[in-house]
Amino acid sequence: MPKVSFFATEPIGDKLVTEIPGVGEVIGKRLTDAGFDRASTLLGQYLILKRNRDKFDKWFKEVCDASTRETDSCFDSLDQWCLRFLY
């Protein structure tokens, strides 16, 4: 099962931000330094940005200096999680 699909099958709970697909060690450190150490905190930012891909992509790249692939993977994972657990 792809990491994106697996992430979307479980509650977020107290998972570290690095457990989100697209967030490796380097991106995770940058997010943690910016105050986003937990998956739930990053999910909150995703929701604040109204689940808008363009806004999230811009924010994520600015905060983490992430690649398009990393940004897309993270966004898709959060989006799939929301579709399963919130909507």
PDB file of N, CA and C in Angstrom:
ATOM      1  N   MET A   1       0.856  -1.181   0.000  1.00  0.00           N
ATOM      2  CA  MET A   1       0.000   0.000   0.000  1.00  0.00           C
ATOM      3  C   MET A   1       0.896   1.235   0.000  1.00  0.00           C
ATOM      4  N   PRO A   2       0.636   2.190  -0.918  1.00  0.00           N
ATOM      5  CA  PRO A   2       1.445   3.416  -0.939  1.00  0.00           C
ATOM      6  C   PRO A   2       1.347   4.170   0.384  1.00  0.00           C
ATOM      7  N   LYS A   3       2.415   4.875   0.718  1.00  0.00           N
ATOM      8  CA  LYS A   3       2.471   5.595   1.986  1.00  0.00           C
ATOM      9  C   LYS A   3       1.321   6.589   2.123  1.00  0.00           C
ATOM     10  N   VAL A   4       0.942   7.270   1.012  1.00  0.00           N
ATOM     11  CA  VAL A   4      -0.161   8.230   1.057  1.00  0.00           C
ATOM     12  C   VAL A   4      -1.446   7.519   1.473  1.00  0.00           C
ATOM     13  N   SER A   5      -1.731   6.396   0.844  1.00  0.00           N
ATOM     14  CA  SER A   5      -2.955   5.658   1.158  1.00  0.00           C
ATOM     15  C   SER A   5      -2.926   5.137   2.585  1.00  0.00           C
ATOM     16  N   PHE A   6      -1.783   4.629   3.042  1.00  0.00           N
ATOM     17  CA  PHE A   6      -1.677   4.107   4.400  1.00  0.00           C
ATOM     18  C   PHE A   6      -1.908   5.211   5.427  1.00  0.00           C
ATOM     19  N   PHE A   7      -1.330   6.380   5.212  1.00  0.00           N
ATOM     20  CA  PHE A   7      -1.503   7.498   6.140  1.00  0.00           C
ATOM     21  C   PHE A   7      -2.980   7.828   6.317  1.00  0.00           C
ATOM     22  N   ALA A   8      -3.730   7.760   5.237  1.00  0.00           N
ATOM     23  CA  ALA A   8      -5.147   8.148   5.262  1.00  0.00           C
ATOM     24  C   ALA A   8      -6.048   7.093   5.895  1.00  0.00           C
ATOM     25  N   THR A   9      -5.495   5.976   6.339  1.00  0.00           N
ATOM     26  CA  THR A   9      -6.322   4.912   6.915  1.00  0.00           C
ATOM     27  C   THR A   9      -6.396   4.955   8.433  1.00  0.00           C
ATOM     28  N   GLU A  10      -5.591   5.798   9.059  1.00  0.00           N
ATOM     29  CA  GLU A  10      -5.522   5.830  10.522  1.00  0.00           C
ATOM     30  C   GLU A  10      -5.792   7.234  11.065  1.00  0.00           C
ATOM     31  N   PRO A  11      -6.341   7.322  12.256  1.00  0.00           N
ATOM     32  CA  PRO A  11      -6.461   8.642  12.896  1.00  0.00           C
ATOM     33  C   PRO A  11      -5.076   9.271  13.072  1.00  0.00           C
ATOM     34  N   ILE A  12      -5.026  10.578  13.057  1.00  0.00           N
ATOM     35  CA  ILE A  12      -3.739  11.276  13.188  1.00  0.00           C
ATOM     36  C   ILE A  12      -3.184  11.136  14.597  1.00  0.00           C
ATOM     37  N   GLY A  13      -4.027  11.250  15.586  1.00  0.00           N
ATOM     38  CA  GLY A  13      -3.561  11.102  16.963  1.00  0.00           C
ATOM     39  C   GLY A  13      -2.400  12.025  17.260  1.00  0.00           C
ATOM     40  N   ASP A  14      -1.326  11.472  17.779  1.00  0.00           N
ATOM     41  CA  ASP A  14      -0.158  12.244  18.184  1.00  0.00           C
ATOM     42  C   ASP A  14       1.037  11.964  17.265  1.00  0.00           C
ATOM     43  N   LYS A  15       0.758  11.665  15.995  1.00  0.00           N
ATOM     44  CA  LYS A  15       1.832  11.341  15.055  1.00  0.00           C
ATOM     45  C   LYS A  15       2.746  12.539  14.830  1.00  0.00           C
ATOM     46  N   LEU A  16       3.997  12.237  14.608  1.00  0.00           N
ATOM     47  CA  LEU A  16       4.963  13.275  14.258  1.00  0.00           C
ATOM     48  C   LEU A  16       4.703  13.744  12.835  1.00  0.00           C
ATOM     49  N   VAL A  17       5.091  14.955  12.534  1.00  0.00           N
ATOM     50  CA  VAL A  17       4.886  15.507  11.198  1.00  0.00           C
ATOM     51  C   VAL A  17       5.622  14.673  10.146  1.00  0.00           C
ATOM     52  N   THR A  18       6.713  14.038  10.517  1.00  0.00           N
ATOM     53  CA  THR A  18       7.482  13.221   9.572  1.00  0.00           C
ATOM     54  C   THR A  18       6.766  11.935   9.166  1.00  0.00           C
ATOM     55  N   GLU A  19       5.652  11.628   9.787  1.00  0.00           N
ATOM     56  CA  GLU A  19       4.878  10.458   9.395  1.00  0.00           C
ATOM     57  C   GLU A  19       3.938  10.761   8.228  1.00  0.00           C
ATOM     58  N   ILE A  20       3.860  12.023   7.825  1.00  0.00           N
ATOM     59  CA  ILE A  20       3.061  12.406   6.669  1.00  0.00           C
ATOM     60  C   ILE A  20       3.902  12.195   5.413  1.00  0.00           C
ATOM     61  N   PRO A  21       3.355  11.519   4.411  1.00  0.00           N
ATOM     62  CA  PRO A  21       4.100  11.361   3.160  1.00  0.00           C
ATOM     63  C   PRO A  21       4.514  12.719   2.590  1.00  0.00           C
ATOM     64  N   GLY A  22       5.739  12.775   2.077  1.00  0.00           N
ATOM     65  CA  GLY A  22       6.275  14.023   1.544  1.00  0.00           C
ATOM     66  C   GLY A  22       7.072  14.808   2.565  1.00  0.00           C
ATOM     67  N   VAL A  23       6.996  14.390   3.824  1.00  0.00           N
ATOM     68  CA  VAL A  23       7.729  15.077   4.887  1.00  0.00           C
ATOM     69  C   VAL A  23       8.804  14.135   5.422  1.00  0.00           C
ATOM     70  N   GLY A  24      10.007  14.332   4.920  1.00  0.00           N
ATOM     71  CA  GLY A  24      11.137  13.549   5.391  1.00  0.00           C
ATOM     72  C   GLY A  24      11.826  14.235   6.551  1.00  0.00           C
ATOM     73  N   GLU A  25      13.028  13.809   6.824  1.00  0.00           N
ATOM     74  CA  GLU A  25      13.773  14.334   7.967  1.00  0.00           C
ATOM     75  C   GLU A  25      14.085  15.830   7.829  1.00  0.00           C
ATOM     76  N   VAL A  26      14.535  16.252   6.651  1.00  0.00           N
ATOM     77  CA  VAL A  26      14.918  17.655   6.449  1.00  0.00           C
ATOM     78  C   VAL A  26      13.691  18.562   6.480  1.00  0.00           C
ATOM     79  N   ILE A  27      12.657  18.209   5.734  1.00  0.00           N
ATOM     80  CA  ILE A  27      11.428  19.007   5.718  1.00  0.00           C
ATOM     81  C   ILE A  27      10.799  18.993   7.113  1.00  0.00           C
ATOM     82  N   GLY A  28      10.834  17.841   7.768  1.00  0.00           N
ATOM     83  CA  GLY A  28      10.292  17.727   9.121  1.00  0.00           C
ATOM     84  C   GLY A  28      10.994  18.655  10.099  1.00  0.00           C
ATOM     85  N   LYS A  29      12.301  18.784   9.979  1.00  0.00           N
ATOM     86  CA  LYS A  29      13.069  19.691  10.844  1.00  0.00           C
ATOM     87  C   LYS A  29      12.668  21.142  10.590  1.00  0.00           C
ATOM     88  N   ARG A  30      12.513  21.487   9.328  1.00  0.00           N
ATOM     89  CA  ARG A  30      12.104  22.853   8.990  1.00  0.00           C
ATOM     90  C   ARG A  30      10.702  23.157   9.515  1.00  0.00           C
ATOM     91  N   LEU A  31       9.804  22.193   9.385  1.00  0.00           N
ATOM     92  CA  LEU A  31       8.451  22.373   9.910  1.00  0.00           C
ATOM     93  C   LEU A  31       8.458  22.490  11.430  1.00  0.00           C
ATOM     94  N   THR A  32       9.224  21.625  12.084  1.00  0.00           N
ATOM     95  CA  THR A  32       9.325  21.659  13.543  1.00  0.00           C
ATOM     96  C   THR A  32       9.869  23.010  14.003  1.00  0.00           C
ATOM     97  N   ASP A  33      10.884  23.503  13.323  1.00  0.00           N
ATOM     98  CA  ASP A  33      11.453  24.814  13.667  1.00  0.00           C
ATOM     99  C   ASP A  33      10.419  25.930  13.502  1.00  0.00           C
ATOM    100  N   ALA A  34       9.463  25.727  12.582  1.00  0.00           N
ATOM    101  CA  ALA A  34       8.418  26.727  12.345  1.00  0.00           C
ATOM    102  C   ALA A  34       7.200  26.509  13.247  1.00  0.00           C
ATOM    103  N   GLY A  35       7.273  25.492  14.141  1.00  0.00           N
ATOM    104  CA  GLY A  35       6.188  25.250  15.087  1.00  0.00           C
ATOM    105  C   GLY A  35       5.200  24.178  14.690  1.00  0.00           C
ATOM    106  N   PHE A  36       5.525  23.418  13.651  1.00  0.00           N
ATOM    107  CA  PHE A  36       4.630  22.365  13.157  1.00  0.00           C
ATOM    108  C   PHE A  36       5.289  20.999  13.373  1.00  0.00           C
ATOM    109  N   ASP A  37       5.338  20.551  14.631  1.00  0.00           N
ATOM    110  CA  ASP A  37       6.030  19.303  14.945  1.00  0.00           C
ATOM    111  C   ASP A  37       5.130  18.072  14.872  1.00  0.00           C
ATOM    112  N   ARG A  38       3.834  18.261  14.861  1.00  0.00           N
ATOM    113  CA  ARG A  38       2.879  17.146  14.853  1.00  0.00           C
ATOM    114  C   ARG A  38       2.052  17.167  13.575  1.00  0.00           C
ATOM    115  N   ALA A  39       1.631  16.008  13.153  1.00  0.00           N
ATOM    116  CA  ALA A  39       0.778  15.901  11.967  1.00  0.00           C
ATOM    117  C   ALA A  39      -0.508  16.698  12.169  1.00  0.00           C
ATOM    118  N   SER A  40      -1.032  16.686  13.371  1.00  0.00           N
ATOM    119  CA  SER A  40      -2.279  17.414  13.647  1.00  0.00           C
ATOM    120  C   SER A  40      -2.108  18.919  13.483  1.00  0.00           C
ATOM    121  N   THR A  41      -0.940  19.442  13.807  1.00  0.00           N
ATOM    122  CA  THR A  41      -0.676  20.867  13.653  1.00  0.00           C
ATOM    123  C   THR A  41      -0.609  21.239  12.177  1.00  0.00           C
ATOM    124  N   LEU A  42       0.034  20.389  11.377  1.00  0.00           N
ATOM    125  CA  LEU A  42       0.089  20.634   9.941  1.00  0.00           C
ATOM    126  C   LEU A  42      -1.298  20.482   9.324  1.00  0.00           C
ATOM    127  N   LEU A  43      -2.073  19.530   9.798  1.00  0.00           N
ATOM    128  CA  LEU A  43      -3.454  19.391   9.342  1.00  0.00           C
ATOM    129  C   LEU A  43      -4.238  20.672   9.635  1.00  0.00           C
ATOM    130  N   GLY A  44      -4.025  21.254  10.798  1.00  0.00           N
ATOM    131  CA  GLY A  44      -4.686  22.502  11.145  1.00  0.00           C
ATOM    132  C   GLY A  44      -4.348  23.612  10.166  1.00  0.00           C
ATOM    133  N   GLN A  45      -3.089  23.710   9.782  1.00  0.00           N
ATOM    134  CA  GLN A  45      -2.678  24.734   8.807  1.00  0.00           C
ATOM    135  C   GLN A  45      -3.340  24.462   7.457  1.00  0.00           C
ATOM    136  N   TYR A  46      -3.383  23.215   7.065  1.00  0.00           N
ATOM    137  CA  TYR A  46      -4.047  22.812   5.818  1.00  0.00           C
ATOM    138  C   TYR A  46      -5.517  23.254   5.841  1.00  0.00           C
ATOM    139  N   LEU A  47      -6.179  23.067   6.970  1.00  0.00           N
ATOM    140  CA  LEU A  47      -7.585  23.477   7.087  1.00  0.00           C
ATOM    141  C   LEU A  47      -7.734  24.994   7.118  1.00  0.00           C
ATOM    142  N   ILE A  48      -6.812  25.693   7.789  1.00  0.00           N
ATOM    143  CA  ILE A  48      -6.837  27.158   7.813  1.00  0.00           C
ATOM    144  C   ILE A  48      -6.723  27.713   6.392  1.00  0.00           C
ATOM    145  N   LEU A  49      -5.945  27.031   5.573  1.00  0.00           N
ATOM    146  CA  LEU A  49      -5.783  27.442   4.178  1.00  0.00           C
ATOM    147  C   LEU A  49      -6.929  26.935   3.297  1.00  0.00           C
ATOM    148  N   LYS A  50      -7.984  26.455   3.941  1.00  0.00           N
ATOM    149  CA  LYS A  50      -9.244  26.049   3.305  1.00  0.00           C
ATOM    150  C   LYS A  50      -9.091  24.930   2.285  1.00  0.00           C
ATOM    151  N   ARG A  51      -8.134  24.039   2.554  1.00  0.00           N
ATOM    152  CA  ARG A  51      -7.916  22.875   1.694  1.00  0.00           C
ATOM    153  C   ARG A  51      -7.607  23.282   0.256  1.00  0.00           C
ATOM    154  N   ASN A  52      -7.072  24.471   0.086  1.00  0.00           N
ATOM    155  CA  ASN A  52      -6.771  25.014  -1.229  1.00  0.00           C
ATOM    156  C   ASN A  52      -5.343  24.634  -1.624  1.00  0.00           C
ATOM    157  N   ARG A  53      -5.223  23.891  -2.714  1.00  0.00           N
ATOM    158  CA  ARG A  53      -3.912  23.385  -3.134  1.00  0.00           C
ATOM    159  C   ARG A  53      -2.929  24.519  -3.405  1.00  0.00           C
ATOM    160  N   ASP A  54      -3.335  25.545  -4.128  1.00  0.00           N
ATOM    161  CA  ASP A  54      -2.415  26.634  -4.471  1.00  0.00           C
ATOM    162  C   ASP A  54      -1.903  27.350  -3.225  1.00  0.00           C
ATOM    163  N   LYS A  55      -2.801  27.648  -2.292  1.00  0.00           N
ATOM    164  CA  LYS A  55      -2.390  28.323  -1.054  1.00  0.00           C
ATOM    165  C   LYS A  55      -1.469  27.436  -0.221  1.00  0.00           C
ATOM    166  N   PHE A  56      -1.821  26.146  -0.102  1.00  0.00           N
ATOM    167  CA  PHE A  56      -0.991  25.226   0.681  1.00  0.00           C
ATOM    168  C   PHE A  56       0.377  25.071   0.033  1.00  0.00           C
ATOM    169  N   ASP A  57       0.394  24.881  -1.295  1.00  0.00           N
ATOM    170  CA  ASP A  57       1.671  24.715  -1.997  1.00  0.00           C
ATOM    171  C   ASP A  57       2.588  25.909  -1.755  1.00  0.00           C
ATOM    172  N   LYS A  58       2.042  27.098  -1.901  1.00  0.00           N
ATOM    173  CA  LYS A  58       2.848  28.309  -1.703  1.00  0.00           C
ATOM    174  C   LYS A  58       3.371  28.381  -0.273  1.00  0.00           C
ATOM    175  N   TRP A  59       2.497  28.161   0.709  1.00  0.00           N
ATOM    176  CA  TRP A  59       2.895  28.217   2.114  1.00  0.00           C
ATOM    177  C   TRP A  59       3.953  27.154   2.425  1.00  0.00           C
ATOM    178  N   PHE A  60       3.711  25.919   2.004  1.00  0.00           N
ATOM    179  CA  PHE A  60       4.602  24.797   2.311  1.00  0.00           C
ATOM    180  C   PHE A  60       5.990  25.030   1.711  1.00  0.00           C
ATOM    181  N   LYS A  61       6.017  25.499   0.479  1.00  0.00           N
ATOM    182  CA  LYS A  61       7.310  25.763  -0.167  1.00  0.00           C
ATOM    183  C   LYS A  61       8.058  26.905   0.513  1.00  0.00           C
ATOM    184  N   GLU A  62       7.326  27.935   0.948  1.00  0.00           N
ATOM    185  CA  GLU A  62       7.970  29.062   1.629  1.00  0.00           C
ATOM    186  C   GLU A  62       8.532  28.648   2.994  1.00  0.00           C
ATOM    187  N   VAL A  63       7.771  27.878   3.740  1.00  0.00           N
ATOM    188  CA  VAL A  63       8.190  27.486   5.090  1.00  0.00           C
ATOM    189  C   VAL A  63       9.295  26.429   5.049  1.00  0.00           C
ATOM    190  N   CYS A  64       9.190  25.491   4.120  1.00  0.00           N
ATOM    191  CA  CYS A  64      10.079  24.325   4.150  1.00  0.00           C
ATOM    192  C   CYS A  64      11.087  24.256   3.017  1.00  0.00           C
ATOM    193  N   ASP A  65      10.954  25.125   2.036  1.00  0.00           N
ATOM    194  CA  ASP A  65      11.775  25.022   0.833  1.00  0.00           C
ATOM    195  C   ASP A  65      11.616  23.625   0.222  1.00  0.00           C
ATOM    196  N   ALA A  66      10.376  23.150   0.194  1.00  0.00           N
ATOM    197  CA  ALA A  66      10.071  21.806  -0.298  1.00  0.00           C
ATOM    198  C   ALA A  66       9.968  21.794  -1.818  1.00  0.00           C
ATOM    199  N   SER A  67      10.197  20.630  -2.390  1.00  0.00           N
ATOM    200  CA  SER A  67      10.035  20.449  -3.832  1.00  0.00           C
ATOM    201  C   SER A  67       8.546  20.308  -4.162  1.00  0.00           C
ATOM    202  N   THR A  68       8.237  20.398  -5.424  1.00  0.00           N
ATOM    203  CA  THR A  68       6.851  20.206  -5.869  1.00  0.00           C
ATOM    204  C   THR A  68       6.381  18.797  -5.532  1.00  0.00           C
ATOM    205  N   ARG A  69       7.230  17.805  -5.712  1.00  0.00           N
ATOM    206  CA  ARG A  69       6.866  16.419  -5.402  1.00  0.00           C
ATOM    207  C   ARG A  69       6.546  16.250  -3.918  1.00  0.00           C
ATOM    208  N   GLU A  70       7.379  16.814  -3.050  1.00  0.00           N
ATOM    209  CA  GLU A  70       7.139  16.732  -1.605  1.00  0.00           C
ATOM    210  C   GLU A  70       5.850  17.454  -1.225  1.00  0.00           C
ATOM    211  N   THR A  71       5.651  18.628  -1.811  1.00  0.00           N
ATOM    212  CA  THR A  71       4.460  19.418  -1.527  1.00  0.00           C
ATOM    213  C   THR A  71       3.204  18.680  -1.977  1.00  0.00           C
ATOM    214  N   ASP A  72       3.230  18.135  -3.177  1.00  0.00           N
ATOM    215  CA  ASP A  72       2.069  17.396  -3.692  1.00  0.00           C
ATOM    216  C   ASP A  72       1.754  16.181  -2.847  1.00  0.00           C
ATOM    217  N   SER A  73       2.776  15.447  -2.452  1.00  0.00           N
ATOM    218  CA  SER A  73       2.577  14.252  -1.636  1.00  0.00           C
ATOM    219  C   SER A  73       1.955  14.601  -0.286  1.00  0.00           C
ATOM    220  N   CYS A  74       2.453  15.642   0.338  1.00  0.00           N
ATOM    221  CA  CYS A  74       1.924  16.074   1.628  1.00  0.00           C
ATOM    222  C   CYS A  74       0.478  16.534   1.486  1.00  0.00           C
ATOM    223  N   PHE A  75       0.217  17.385   0.503  1.00  0.00           N
ATOM    224  CA  PHE A  75      -1.145  17.879   0.293  1.00  0.00           C
ATOM    225  C   PHE A  75      -2.102  16.713   0.026  1.00  0.00           C
ATOM    226  N   ASP A  76      -1.723  15.818  -0.865  1.00  0.00           N
ATOM    227  CA  ASP A  76      -2.590  14.684  -1.208  1.00  0.00           C
ATOM    228  C   ASP A  76      -2.884  13.816   0.006  1.00  0.00           C
ATOM    229  N   SER A  77      -1.892  13.627   0.851  1.00  0.00           N
ATOM    230  CA  SER A  77      -2.081  12.819   2.061  1.00  0.00           C
ATOM    231  C   SER A  77      -3.069  13.471   3.017  1.00  0.00           C
ATOM    232  N   LEU A  78      -2.908  14.758   3.242  1.00  0.00           N
ATOM    233  CA  LEU A  78      -3.826  15.477   4.133  1.00  0.00           C
ATOM    234  C   LEU A  78      -5.230  15.519   3.541  1.00  0.00           C
ATOM    235  N   ASP A  79      -5.314  15.707   2.234  1.00  0.00           N
ATOM    236  CA  ASP A  79      -6.606  15.748   1.570  1.00  0.00           C
ATOM    237  C   ASP A  79      -7.326  14.400   1.676  1.00  0.00           C
ATOM    238  N   GLN A  80      -6.614  13.314   1.420  1.00  0.00           N
ATOM    239  CA  GLN A  80      -7.211  11.980   1.540  1.00  0.00           C
ATOM    240  C   GLN A  80      -7.625  11.693   2.974  1.00  0.00           C
ATOM    241  N   TRP A  81      -6.809  12.114   3.931  1.00  0.00           N
ATOM    242  CA  TRP A  81      -7.151  11.900   5.333  1.00  0.00           C
ATOM    243  C   TRP A  81      -8.462  12.613   5.659  1.00  0.00           C
ATOM    244  N   CYS A  82      -8.596  13.857   5.209  1.00  0.00           N
ATOM    245  CA  CYS A  82      -9.818  14.631   5.474  1.00  0.00           C
ATOM    246  C   CYS A  82     -11.032  13.992   4.820  1.00  0.00           C
ATOM    247  N   LEU A  83     -10.872  13.517   3.607  1.00  0.00           N
ATOM    248  CA  LEU A  83     -11.997  12.865   2.926  1.00  0.00           C
ATOM    249  C   LEU A  83     -12.475  11.632   3.695  1.00  0.00           C
ATOM    250  N   ARG A  84     -11.545  10.948   4.299  1.00  0.00           N
ATOM    251  CA  ARG A  84     -11.895   9.734   5.052  1.00  0.00           C
ATOM    252  C   ARG A  84     -12.468  10.043   6.434  1.00  0.00           C
ATOM    253  N   PHE A  85     -11.895  11.019   7.137  1.00  0.00           N
ATOM    254  CA  PHE A  85     -12.250  11.229   8.539  1.00  0.00           C
ATOM    255  C   PHE A  85     -13.127  12.452   8.819  1.00  0.00           C
ATOM    256  N   LEU A  86     -13.165  13.426   7.917  1.00  0.00           N
ATOM    257  CA  LEU A  86     -13.914  14.646   8.197  1.00  0.00           C
ATOM    258  C   LEU A  86     -15.133  14.843   7.309  1.00  0.00           C
ATOM    259  N   TYR A  87     -15.095  14.298   6.125  1.00  0.00           N
ATOM    260  CA  TYR A  87     -16.188  14.587   5.178  1.00  0.00           C
ATOM    261  C   TYR A  87     -16.893  13.329   4.742  1.00  0.00           C
TER     262      TYR A  87
END
